[in-house]
Protein backbone atom coordinates (compact mmCIF):
# COMPACT_ATOMS: atom_id res chain seq x y z
CA MET A 1 34.52 44.55 1.15
CA VAL A 2 33.63 48.25 1.58
CA SER A 3 34.68 50.91 -0.95
CA ASP A 4 33.82 54.55 -1.64
CA HIS A 5 33.48 54.82 -5.43
CA CYS A 6 30.42 56.50 -6.91
CA SER A 7 27.62 54.82 -8.85
CA THR A 8 27.95 54.07 -12.57
CA GLU A 9 25.86 52.25 -15.18
CA ALA A 10 28.10 49.17 -14.91
CA SER A 11 28.32 49.22 -11.12
CA PRO A 12 25.26 50.91 -9.59
CA VAL A 13 25.09 51.89 -5.92
CA VAL A 14 21.85 51.63 -3.92
CA LYS A 15 21.21 52.90 -0.42
CA THR A 16 19.63 50.45 2.06
CA THR A 17 18.55 50.76 5.69
CA HIS A 18 21.93 49.32 6.76
CA GLY A 19 24.29 51.04 4.31
CA GLN A 20 25.09 51.42 0.63
CA VAL A 21 25.62 48.43 -1.70
CA ARG A 22 27.33 48.23 -5.06
CA GLY A 23 25.98 45.89 -7.74
CA ALA A 24 27.03 44.93 -11.24
CA LEU A 25 25.51 44.99 -14.72
CA GLN A 26 25.07 41.41 -15.97
CA THR A 27 24.30 39.77 -19.31
CA ALA A 28 21.92 36.81 -19.17
CA LEU A 29 22.30 33.63 -21.24
CA TYR A 30 20.23 34.99 -24.13
CA GLY A 31 21.66 38.50 -24.03
CA GLU A 32 19.23 40.34 -21.74
CA LEU A 33 20.85 42.90 -19.43
CA TYR A 34 20.04 43.13 -15.73
CA TYR A 35 21.57 44.34 -12.48
CA SER A 36 22.68 42.04 -9.70
CA PHE A 37 23.38 42.77 -6.05
CA ASP A 38 24.75 39.57 -4.54
CA GLY A 39 25.62 38.79 -0.95
CA ILE A 40 23.74 41.57 0.87
CA PRO A 41 23.80 40.80 4.62
CA TYR A 42 20.37 40.75 6.26
CA ALA A 43 21.52 39.30 9.60
CA GLN A 44 24.66 39.04 11.71
CA PRO A 45 26.87 36.02 10.98
CA PRO A 46 25.47 33.23 13.22
CA PHE A 47 28.67 32.57 15.15
CA GLY A 48 29.36 32.09 18.86
CA GLU A 49 26.24 32.79 20.93
CA LEU A 50 24.15 33.08 17.74
CA ARG A 51 24.97 29.59 16.48
CA PHE A 52 21.76 27.48 16.20
CA ARG A 53 19.77 30.42 17.59
CA GLU A 54 17.35 32.89 16.02
CA PRO A 55 19.06 35.42 13.74
CA GLN A 56 19.87 38.98 14.77
CA ASP A 57 19.52 42.01 12.53
CA ALA A 58 22.62 42.89 10.47
CA LYS A 59 24.84 45.67 11.80
CA PRO A 60 25.04 48.83 9.66
CA TRP A 61 28.23 49.51 7.69
CA GLU A 62 30.11 52.62 6.56
CA GLY A 63 31.01 53.31 2.94
CA ILE A 64 29.80 51.14 0.04
CA LEU A 65 29.61 47.36 0.41
CA ASP A 66 30.79 45.46 -2.67
CA CYS A 67 27.90 43.17 -3.67
CA SER A 68 29.13 42.31 -7.15
CA LYS A 69 29.79 38.64 -6.30
CA PRO A 70 27.80 35.97 -4.41
CA ARG A 71 28.80 34.90 -0.90
CA SER A 72 28.97 31.34 0.42
CA LYS A 73 25.96 29.06 0.65
CA CYS A 74 25.22 27.54 4.06
CA LEU A 75 27.59 24.82 5.30
CA GLN A 76 26.32 21.52 3.83
CA VAL A 77 27.15 18.40 1.88
CA SER A 78 26.59 19.40 -1.76
CA SER A 79 24.12 17.20 -3.66
CA LEU A 80 26.24 17.74 -6.80
CA THR A 81 29.76 17.02 -5.48
CA GLN A 82 28.96 15.07 -2.25
CA GLN A 83 31.64 17.24 -0.60
CA VAL A 84 31.28 19.52 2.44
CA GLU A 85 30.93 23.03 1.03
CA GLY A 86 29.80 26.47 2.16
CA SER A 87 30.17 28.43 5.37
CA GLU A 88 28.38 29.12 8.63
CA ASP A 89 28.62 32.80 7.62
CA CYS A 90 25.77 32.61 5.11
CA LEU A 91 22.92 34.97 6.05
CA TYR A 92 22.87 36.95 2.81
CA LEU A 93 20.40 37.59 0.02
CA ASN A 94 20.84 38.10 -3.71
CA ILE A 95 18.90 40.57 -5.85
CA ALA A 96 18.52 40.55 -9.65
CA VAL A 97 16.59 43.49 -11.06
CA LYS A 98 15.62 44.10 -14.67
CA SER A 99 15.67 47.88 -14.39
CA LEU A 100 16.47 50.28 -11.54
CA SER A 101 13.97 52.89 -12.74
CA SER A 102 10.62 52.52 -14.49
CA GLU A 103 7.24 54.20 -14.68
CA LYS A 104 5.84 51.81 -12.08
CA PRO A 105 7.84 49.88 -9.47
CA LEU A 106 8.44 46.24 -10.38
CA PRO A 107 6.77 43.16 -8.90
CA VAL A 108 9.08 41.28 -6.52
CA MET A 109 9.63 37.50 -6.58
CA VAL A 110 11.39 36.02 -3.53
CA TYR A 111 12.70 32.47 -3.89
CA VAL A 112 13.26 29.88 -1.16
CA HIS A 113 15.56 27.14 -2.45
CA GLY A 114 14.97 23.43 -1.89
CA GLY A 115 17.39 20.69 -0.91
CA GLY A 116 15.61 18.57 1.69
CA PHE A 117 16.20 21.18 4.42
CA LYS A 118 19.83 20.03 4.41
CA ASN A 119 21.50 21.60 1.36
CA GLY A 120 20.91 23.93 -1.59
CA ASP A 121 22.59 26.91 -3.25
CA PRO A 122 20.52 30.11 -3.65
CA THR A 123 23.26 31.97 -5.54
CA LYS A 124 23.39 32.33 -9.32
CA PHE A 125 25.88 29.44 -9.38
CA GLY A 126 23.02 27.17 -8.26
CA PHE A 127 19.97 28.93 -9.70
CA GLY A 128 20.78 31.67 -12.19
CA PRO A 129 17.94 34.20 -12.73
CA ASP A 130 18.76 34.56 -16.45
CA TYR A 131 15.33 33.42 -17.74
CA ILE A 132 13.38 35.41 -15.14
CA MET A 133 15.30 38.51 -16.25
CA ARG A 134 13.40 38.31 -19.57
CA GLU A 135 10.64 40.02 -17.59
CA GLN A 136 10.25 43.35 -15.80
CA VAL A 137 10.51 41.92 -12.29
CA ILE A 138 12.86 41.78 -9.31
CA TYR A 139 14.11 38.34 -8.30
CA ILE A 140 15.51 37.81 -4.80
CA SER A 141 16.95 34.59 -3.38
CA ILE A 142 17.58 34.03 0.32
CA CYS A 143 20.43 32.07 1.85
CA TYR A 144 19.28 30.53 5.14
CA ARG A 145 20.67 27.94 7.54
CA VAL A 146 19.96 24.30 6.69
CA GLY A 147 20.57 20.96 8.41
CA PRO A 148 21.33 21.06 12.14
CA LEU A 149 22.60 24.66 11.83
CA GLY A 150 19.07 25.73 10.90
CA PHE A 151 16.88 23.13 12.58
CA LEU A 152 18.54 21.93 15.78
CA SER A 153 16.11 22.14 18.72
CA PHE A 154 16.06 21.53 22.47
CA ALA A 155 13.23 21.50 24.98
CA ASP A 156 15.36 23.09 27.73
CA PRO A 157 14.48 26.82 27.55
CA SER A 158 17.81 27.84 29.10
CA LEU A 159 19.50 26.89 25.80
CA ARG A 160 17.26 29.27 23.79
CA ILE A 161 17.04 26.84 20.84
CA PRO A 162 13.32 25.97 20.53
CA GLY A 163 13.78 25.16 16.81
CA ASN A 164 13.22 26.65 13.34
CA ALA A 165 16.19 29.04 13.26
CA GLY A 166 16.31 28.49 9.47
CA LEU A 167 12.69 29.65 9.10
CA LYS A 168 13.43 32.65 11.30
CA ASP A 169 16.33 33.53 8.98
CA ILE A 170 13.90 33.76 6.06
CA ILE A 171 11.43 35.85 8.06
CA LEU A 172 14.17 38.33 8.98
CA ALA A 173 15.18 38.45 5.29
CA LEU A 174 11.55 39.14 4.31
CA LYS A 175 11.48 42.06 6.76
CA TRP A 176 14.67 43.41 5.16
CA ILE A 177 13.12 43.01 1.70
CA LYS A 178 9.89 44.76 2.74
CA ALA A 179 11.90 47.70 4.10
CA ASN A 180 14.41 47.96 1.24
CA VAL A 181 13.07 46.64 -2.05
CA GLY A 182 11.64 50.06 -2.94
CA SER A 183 15.22 51.35 -3.24
CA PHE A 184 15.83 48.75 -5.96
CA ASN A 185 12.74 49.85 -7.96
CA GLY A 186 10.61 47.13 -6.39
CA ASP A 187 6.99 47.35 -5.26
CA ALA A 188 7.00 46.58 -1.53
CA ASN A 189 3.25 45.97 -1.76
CA ASN A 190 3.56 43.34 -4.49
CA ILE A 191 5.85 40.59 -3.20
CA THR A 192 5.44 36.95 -4.28
CA LEU A 193 7.05 34.28 -2.11
CA PHE A 194 7.83 31.07 -4.00
CA GLY A 195 9.86 27.93 -3.45
CA HIS A 196 10.52 24.43 -4.67
CA SER A 197 10.52 21.07 -2.81
CA SER A 198 11.63 21.73 0.80
CA GLY A 199 11.64 25.42 -0.20
CA SER A 200 7.98 25.04 -1.15
CA CYS A 201 7.34 23.27 2.18
CA THR A 202 8.99 26.27 3.81
CA VAL A 203 6.72 28.70 1.95
CA HIS A 204 3.75 26.58 3.12
CA LEU A 205 4.96 26.99 6.72
CA LEU A 206 5.53 30.72 6.27
CA MET A 207 1.95 30.96 4.99
CA VAL A 208 0.52 29.59 8.25
CA THR A 209 2.51 31.59 10.82
CA PRO A 210 1.37 34.99 12.08
CA GLN A 211 5.05 36.08 12.07
CA THR A 212 4.92 36.75 8.31
CA GLU A 213 1.69 38.74 8.16
CA GLY A 214 2.03 41.55 5.61
CA LEU A 215 5.51 40.46 4.45
CA PHE A 216 4.30 38.98 1.12
CA ASP A 217 1.22 39.30 -1.06
CA LYS A 218 0.93 36.00 -2.93
CA ALA A 219 2.64 32.61 -2.97
CA ILE A 220 3.71 29.84 -5.36
CA LEU A 221 4.23 26.27 -4.13
CA MET A 222 6.24 24.01 -6.44
CA GLY A 223 6.51 20.31 -5.58
CA GLY A 224 6.37 20.55 -1.79
CA PHE A 225 3.69 20.69 0.94
CA TYR A 226 4.01 20.31 4.72
CA PRO A 227 0.63 19.63 6.38
CA GLU A 228 2.20 17.84 9.37
CA THR A 229 5.66 18.14 10.90
CA ALA A 230 7.93 15.13 10.44
CA ASN A 231 10.61 15.26 13.14
CA ALA A 232 12.74 12.27 14.04
CA PRO A 233 12.66 11.70 17.82
CA ASN A 234 15.89 12.48 19.70
CA ALA A 235 17.69 13.61 16.53
CA GLU A 236 20.15 15.75 18.50
CA TYR A 237 21.02 12.93 20.89
CA GLU A 238 21.37 10.42 18.03
CA MET A 239 23.72 12.74 16.14
CA ALA A 240 25.80 13.38 19.28
CA LYS A 241 26.12 9.63 19.89
CA HIS A 242 27.17 9.12 16.28
CA LEU A 243 29.92 11.72 16.81
CA GLY A 244 31.20 10.00 19.96
CA TYR A 245 29.05 11.36 22.80
CA GLU A 246 28.76 8.80 25.63
CA GLY A 247 26.61 10.68 28.15
CA GLU A 248 22.89 10.67 28.93
CA ASN A 249 20.16 12.24 26.78
CA ASN A 250 20.38 15.52 28.67
CA ASP A 251 19.75 18.67 26.64
CA VAL A 252 22.55 20.79 28.13
CA ASP A 253 25.20 18.06 27.87
CA VAL A 254 24.12 17.06 24.35
CA PHE A 255 24.16 20.70 23.23
CA ASN A 256 27.61 21.34 24.73
CA PHE A 257 28.99 18.30 22.93
CA ILE A 258 27.44 19.26 19.58
CA ASN A 259 28.46 22.89 19.92
CA ALA A 260 32.10 21.85 20.52
CA ALA A 261 32.18 19.51 17.50
CA ASP A 262 33.75 20.38 14.15
CA PRO A 263 30.83 21.98 12.24
CA LYS A 264 31.83 20.01 9.13
CA GLN A 265 31.04 16.83 11.08
CA LEU A 266 27.54 18.10 11.87
CA VAL A 267 26.50 18.30 8.21
CA LEU A 268 27.74 14.87 7.11
CA PRO A 269 25.27 12.58 5.29
CA ASP A 270 22.51 10.77 7.16
CA PHE A 271 24.11 8.09 9.33
CA ARG A 272 20.91 6.16 10.15
CA PRO A 273 20.51 2.59 8.88
CA LEU A 274 18.36 2.09 5.76
CA TYR A 275 15.21 0.85 7.50
CA GLU A 276 15.31 3.76 9.94
CA ARG A 277 15.61 6.25 7.07
CA LEU A 278 12.71 4.62 5.21
CA GLN A 279 10.67 4.52 8.44
CA SER A 280 11.00 8.32 8.51
CA GLY A 281 9.66 8.65 4.97
CA GLY A 282 13.08 9.54 3.59
CA TYR A 283 13.03 12.85 5.50
CA PRO A 284 16.38 14.04 6.91
CA LEU A 285 17.08 14.22 10.63
CA PHE A 286 16.70 17.97 11.09
CA LEU A 287 13.46 19.62 10.01
CA PRO A 288 11.03 22.42 10.86
CA ARG A 289 9.08 21.49 13.96
CA ILE A 290 6.40 22.58 16.39
CA GLU A 291 8.54 24.63 18.75
CA TYR A 292 9.07 23.32 22.25
CA TYR A 293 7.83 26.46 23.98
CA PRO A 294 6.41 29.83 22.91
CA THR A 295 8.72 32.80 22.31
CA PRO A 296 8.06 36.21 20.72
CA THR A 297 9.50 34.93 17.41
CA ALA A 298 7.98 31.41 17.43
CA VAL A 299 7.00 30.30 13.93
CA LEU A 300 5.11 27.05 14.61
CA LEU A 301 3.15 26.35 17.79
CA ASP A 302 0.73 23.84 16.21
CA GLN A 303 0.50 21.56 13.18
CA PRO A 304 0.49 23.47 9.86
CA ARG A 305 -2.86 21.96 8.78
CA VAL A 306 -4.42 23.35 11.99
CA LEU A 307 -2.79 26.77 11.64
CA GLN A 308 -3.85 27.15 8.00
CA ARG A 309 -7.53 27.12 8.98
CA THR A 310 -7.19 30.65 10.37
CA ALA A 311 -4.01 31.79 8.56
CA TRP A 312 -3.72 35.40 7.40
CA THR A 313 -2.73 34.07 3.95
CA ASN A 314 -6.25 32.80 3.36
CA ARG A 315 -6.59 36.27 1.79
CA VAL A 316 -3.52 35.70 -0.45
CA PRO A 317 -3.65 34.33 -4.06
CA LEU A 318 -1.87 31.01 -4.53
CA MET A 319 -0.40 29.10 -7.46
CA MET A 320 0.78 25.53 -6.96
CA GLY A 321 1.79 22.50 -8.93
CA CYS A 322 3.94 19.42 -9.38
CA THR A 323 5.57 17.53 -12.22
CA SER A 324 3.83 14.57 -13.86
CA ASN A 325 6.37 12.01 -12.58
CA GLU A 326 7.41 13.47 -9.20
CA GLY A 327 7.88 9.99 -7.72
CA LEU A 328 10.81 9.04 -9.96
CA PHE A 329 12.90 10.84 -7.34
CA ASN A 330 12.37 9.09 -4.03
CA PRO A 331 14.56 6.98 -1.71
CA MET A 332 12.58 3.89 -2.74
CA MET A 333 13.36 4.52 -6.38
CA ASN A 334 16.94 3.32 -5.91
CA MET A 335 15.54 -0.22 -5.90
CA ARG A 336 17.23 -0.96 -9.23
CA LYS A 337 20.64 -0.06 -7.85
CA ASP A 338 20.20 -1.20 -4.25
CA PRO A 339 18.66 -4.65 -3.66
CA ASN A 340 18.23 -3.76 0.03
CA ILE A 341 15.62 -1.16 -0.92
CA LEU A 342 13.70 -3.70 -2.98
CA LYS A 343 13.88 -6.09 -0.01
CA ALA A 344 12.62 -3.35 2.35
CA CYS A 345 9.72 -2.62 0.02
CA ARG A 346 8.73 -6.29 -0.03
CA GLU A 347 8.98 -6.76 3.72
CA ARG A 348 7.62 -3.42 4.88
CA PRO A 349 4.93 -2.15 2.48
CA GLU A 350 4.12 0.61 4.99
CA PHE A 351 7.28 2.37 3.79
CA THR A 352 5.30 3.30 0.66
CA LEU A 353 2.66 5.25 2.62
CA PRO A 354 2.68 9.07 2.74
CA TYR A 355 4.69 9.97 5.82
CA SER A 356 1.70 11.66 7.46
CA LEU A 357 0.00 8.25 7.57
CA LEU A 358 3.11 6.22 8.35
CA ARG A 359 3.72 8.37 11.38
CA HIS A 360 0.21 8.38 12.79
CA CYS A 361 -1.02 4.79 12.68
CA GLU A 362 -0.33 1.61 14.62
CA PRO A 363 2.31 -0.66 12.99
CA SER A 364 -0.19 -3.41 12.08
CA ALA A 365 -2.65 -0.90 10.58
CA CYS A 366 0.20 0.80 8.72
CA ARG A 367 1.33 -2.49 7.23
CA HIS A 368 -2.20 -3.36 6.15
CA GLU A 369 -2.81 0.03 4.48
CA GLY A 370 0.65 -0.03 2.88
CA GLN A 371 -0.22 -3.42 1.45
CA ASN A 372 -3.47 -1.98 0.05
CA LEU A 373 -1.54 0.88 -1.55
CA VAL A 374 1.02 -1.44 -3.14
CA LYS A 375 -1.78 -3.66 -4.48
CA LYS A 376 -3.58 -0.62 -5.93
CA PHE A 377 -0.55 0.52 -7.94
CA CYS A 378 1.41 -2.70 -8.58
CA GLY A 379 -1.43 -5.19 -8.76
CA VAL A 380 0.43 -7.68 -6.55
CA HIS A 381 1.13 -8.37 -2.88
CA SER A 382 4.31 -6.57 -1.75
CA THR A 383 6.23 -9.87 -1.43
CA PHE A 384 6.00 -10.21 -5.22
CA ILE A 385 7.41 -6.78 -6.07
CA THR A 386 10.35 -6.90 -8.50
CA GLU A 387 12.40 -4.35 -10.45
CA GLU A 388 9.72 -4.63 -13.12
CA HIS A 389 7.40 -2.68 -10.80
CA HIS A 390 9.72 0.36 -10.88
CA ALA A 391 7.29 2.47 -12.94
CA ALA A 392 4.30 1.52 -10.76
CA ILE A 393 6.18 2.39 -7.55
CA ALA A 394 7.23 5.71 -9.12
CA GLU A 395 3.58 6.41 -9.94
CA LEU A 396 2.67 5.57 -6.32
CA PHE A 397 5.15 8.12 -4.97
CA THR A 398 3.95 10.70 -7.49
CA HIS A 399 0.45 10.27 -6.05
CA ASN A 400 1.78 10.49 -2.48
CA LEU A 401 2.95 14.04 -3.19
CA LEU A 402 -0.11 14.91 -5.26
CA HIS A 403 -2.34 13.90 -2.36
CA TYR A 404 -0.50 16.36 -0.11
CA GLN A 405 -1.17 18.95 -2.82
CA GLN A 406 -4.83 17.96 -2.90
CA ARG A 407 -5.09 18.32 0.87
CA MET A 408 -3.62 21.83 0.57
CA LEU A 409 -6.08 22.66 -2.19
CA ARG A 410 -9.04 21.40 -0.13
CA ALA A 411 -7.93 23.41 2.87
CA ARG A 412 -7.74 26.50 0.69
CA GLN A 413 -11.20 25.83 -0.71
CA ALA A 414 -12.55 25.39 2.81
CA TYR A 415 -10.89 28.36 4.50
CA SER A 416 -9.53 30.86 1.97
CA GLN A 417 -11.16 33.75 0.16
CA ALA A 418 -8.49 34.01 -2.56
CA VAL A 419 -7.88 32.34 -5.92
CA ASN A 420 -5.92 29.08 -6.33
CA TYR A 421 -4.27 28.15 -9.64
CA LEU A 422 -3.13 24.56 -10.22
CA TYR A 423 -0.55 23.45 -12.79
CA ARG A 424 0.97 20.12 -13.86
CA PHE A 425 4.43 20.38 -15.44
CA ASP A 426 4.59 17.65 -18.09
CA PHE A 427 7.34 18.59 -20.55
CA ASP A 428 9.68 15.63 -21.11
CA SER A 429 12.86 16.65 -22.92
CA PRO A 430 15.48 14.03 -23.86
CA ASP A 431 18.39 16.31 -22.93
CA PHE A 432 17.07 19.27 -20.87
CA ASN A 433 15.33 17.57 -17.89
CA PHE A 434 18.60 17.61 -15.98
CA TYR A 435 17.34 16.19 -12.69
CA ARG A 436 15.87 13.10 -14.33
CA ILE A 437 19.06 12.64 -16.38
CA ARG A 438 21.22 12.92 -13.26
CA TYR A 439 19.22 10.55 -11.08
CA GLN A 440 17.68 8.12 -13.58
CA GLY A 441 20.32 8.04 -16.33
CA PRO A 442 20.34 9.40 -19.90
CA GLU A 443 18.06 6.68 -21.29
CA ALA A 444 15.18 7.20 -18.81
CA ARG A 445 12.17 9.35 -19.63
CA GLY A 446 9.63 11.20 -17.54
CA VAL A 447 9.33 14.56 -15.78
CA GLN A 448 10.68 13.91 -12.31
CA HIS A 449 10.79 16.01 -9.16
CA ALA A 450 12.63 19.32 -9.83
CA ASP A 451 12.67 19.03 -13.63
CA GLU A 452 10.54 22.17 -13.92
CA LEU A 453 13.46 24.14 -12.45
CA CYS A 454 15.36 23.49 -15.70
CA TYR A 455 12.83 25.82 -17.40
CA LEU A 456 12.88 28.52 -14.75
CA PHE A 457 16.57 28.89 -13.84
CA LYS A 458 19.98 28.67 -15.44
CA LEU A 459 21.39 25.58 -13.69
CA PRO A 460 25.02 24.36 -13.61
CA GLN A 461 24.19 21.92 -16.47
CA THR A 462 22.25 24.44 -18.59
CA PHE A 463 23.32 25.02 -22.18
CA LYS A 464 22.12 27.65 -24.64
CA LEU A 465 19.22 26.36 -26.74
CA GLU A 466 18.36 27.12 -30.33
CA LYS A 467 15.31 29.34 -30.10
CA SER A 468 13.47 27.03 -32.51
CA ARG A 469 13.53 24.20 -29.96
CA PRO A 470 10.36 23.43 -27.96
CA GLU A 471 12.42 23.62 -24.74
CA TYR A 472 13.01 27.32 -25.39
CA THR A 473 9.29 27.87 -25.96
CA VAL A 474 8.49 26.11 -22.67
CA ILE A 475 11.00 28.34 -20.84
CA CYS A 476 9.39 31.50 -22.27
CA ARG A 477 5.86 30.38 -21.38
CA PHE A 478 6.62 28.97 -17.93
CA VAL A 479 8.49 32.13 -16.90
CA ALA A 480 5.68 34.28 -18.32
CA LEU A 481 3.01 32.39 -16.36
CA LEU A 482 4.87 32.78 -13.05
CA THR A 483 5.89 36.40 -13.52
CA GLU A 484 2.41 37.39 -14.72
CA PHE A 485 0.93 35.81 -11.59
CA ALA A 486 3.48 37.80 -9.54
CA ARG A 487 2.49 40.97 -11.36
CA ASN A 488 -1.32 40.68 -11.38
CA SER A 489 -2.36 37.65 -9.23
CA ASN A 490 -3.49 36.15 -12.56
CA PRO A 491 -1.08 34.05 -14.66
CA ASN A 492 -2.83 34.73 -17.99
CA GLY A 493 -0.67 37.34 -19.73
CA PRO A 494 0.08 38.50 -23.30
CA LEU A 495 2.27 35.50 -24.19
CA THR A 496 -0.13 32.74 -23.13
CA LYS A 497 -3.70 34.03 -22.96
CA GLN A 498 -4.29 33.48 -26.69
CA LEU A 499 -3.14 29.85 -26.21
CA VAL A 500 -5.10 28.84 -23.11
CA ASP A 501 -7.52 30.28 -20.55
CA TRP A 502 -6.15 29.10 -17.20
CA GLN A 503 -8.92 29.38 -14.60
CA PRO A 504 -8.65 29.14 -10.81
CA VAL A 505 -9.69 25.85 -9.19
CA THR A 506 -13.33 25.65 -8.14
CA LYS A 507 -15.11 23.25 -5.78
CA GLU A 508 -16.70 21.51 -8.74
CA GLU A 509 -15.46 18.11 -9.93
CA PRO A 510 -13.27 17.31 -11.73
CA THR A 511 -10.35 19.39 -10.44
CA MET A 512 -8.92 21.31 -13.40
CA CYS A 513 -5.25 22.13 -13.96
CA LEU A 514 -3.00 23.71 -16.55
CA ASN A 515 -0.97 20.95 -18.22
CA ILE A 516 2.36 22.47 -19.28
CA ASN A 517 3.85 20.59 -22.23
CA GLU A 518 4.73 21.63 -25.79
CA GLU A 519 1.12 22.75 -25.76
CA LEU A 520 -0.63 24.46 -22.85
CA LYS A 521 -3.94 22.74 -22.09
CA PHE A 522 -6.49 23.33 -19.33
CA ILE A 523 -7.55 19.77 -18.46
CA PRO A 524 -9.12 17.64 -15.72
CA GLN A 525 -6.32 16.48 -13.39
CA PRO A 526 -5.31 13.05 -14.81
CA GLU A 527 -4.44 11.56 -11.40
CA ARG A 528 -7.79 12.37 -9.79
CA TYR A 529 -9.13 8.79 -9.82
CA LYS A 530 -6.31 7.19 -7.86
CA LEU A 531 -6.16 10.14 -5.48
CA ARG A 532 -9.61 9.16 -4.20
CA PHE A 533 -8.07 5.93 -2.92
CA TYR A 534 -5.87 7.99 -0.56
CA ASP A 535 -8.95 9.54 1.02
CA GLN A 536 -10.00 5.99 1.98
CA LEU A 537 -6.59 5.34 3.57
CA TYR A 538 -6.92 8.47 5.71
CA ARG A 539 -10.45 7.47 6.74
CA HIS A 540 -9.33 3.95 7.69
CA ILE A 541 -6.62 5.41 9.92
CA LYS A 542 -9.09 8.02 11.26
CA MET A 543 -6.86 10.93 10.30
CA GLU A 544 -8.19 14.34 9.25
CA LEU A 545 -7.64 15.26 5.62
CA ILE A 546 -7.62 19.04 6.15
């Protein structure tokens, strides 16, 4: 909606390269004031010829665009409601800014949401910036295409869909941010790109492509790393067949069928049988990929672990970390509820391997190494696994992700000239670790995948805490560490430096990390011993670690 009213304290107007936008004054959960500008278009709506294809720059507008309310998230099946929600018209970004004028421009933090590359809500309804607005920073979240809308790909160049449209959305948004954030009191030369889970994988990919050079100045990876691509073969053809296509696996015919389908059908849950899903490491059908052929906007033309050896971001400071019980959230962890998963784990121990290994070794070798991995963590042959091994299997999957993190860290130590800070989020609240509560039940304990987001964002389940509670202290410290890193490339700021001296990782053993619990402690990484076992697995399968 475009209007022509002038700027006020409650509804400020800012001029951008494409037109003027009107924001709104907001009050955060604990009373802090900030300005929001929600639903700013950075690209044309991806309809018609633009569907599945790389995004095109937004068209300028006359008058003042009302950006006082968020726009739709991308069309998807919501992980909260299991309903189809959102819209194909979703290429917008959201800005929260602590102050529109200050002595020095503010550091900028740009967030890429997770959701398995198939869902996620970047608006304040999904991830409210209330806690981040304690600090003098600008927070920007990007809505980008997910699922087949963002990651459909075809080898036939006449279709102009080589893959990675969702990544190209984010790159176009970063260009918009670089050009415009100064108008919102942001420092265009101090931009931190950060993400969680598949959003963190996305940041990893954006770190290794030349397309992003100069668009951000540091990065934070939270619970997601993407050293090798993980595409399912013939995903487009398989989806078309599932929707009723009866023709051959011909790119043009498959595309025409998919393009004519109801878009709500395209985003329905994974239709593959259980064993096929587990064979693909639990990854969804549509993912970032090595593009089929080079184009001027190609993001990935080789494996990420190869590209990162010479990546421009080897000059960029990095913070990364995981939770202490990441593996509680994994397809295999439904074994208590689904006896078929327990059966699959017994019969096919290779399903427990990191997907990089599962994908790159012969079936017999995979089974043998999977068996070794199960024995290492469970102490028994896979045929003897029961529900009682739930905690051991969770620990195994935690280490799977931590080994990806370790590979990233080693690559940085080998090739980068910048600092690397490692954290381990270990705060286990009985009632505030909302992801664990949702997926494991109210009685379970542990800090599962995504639980750190409860201390960074206002989530749909968030409630206002008494400030005397340790959860509130963890929020204040965690936000301070991240925003201080965004400000100075060093996370040690006024709130935490008297509590702990968090140093960058060095090549010396043991690897040191900041353990974030009620106390902040700089400690040797507790999982380091079992991680060495993974190096043996990679050597047995003759696969490069970095």
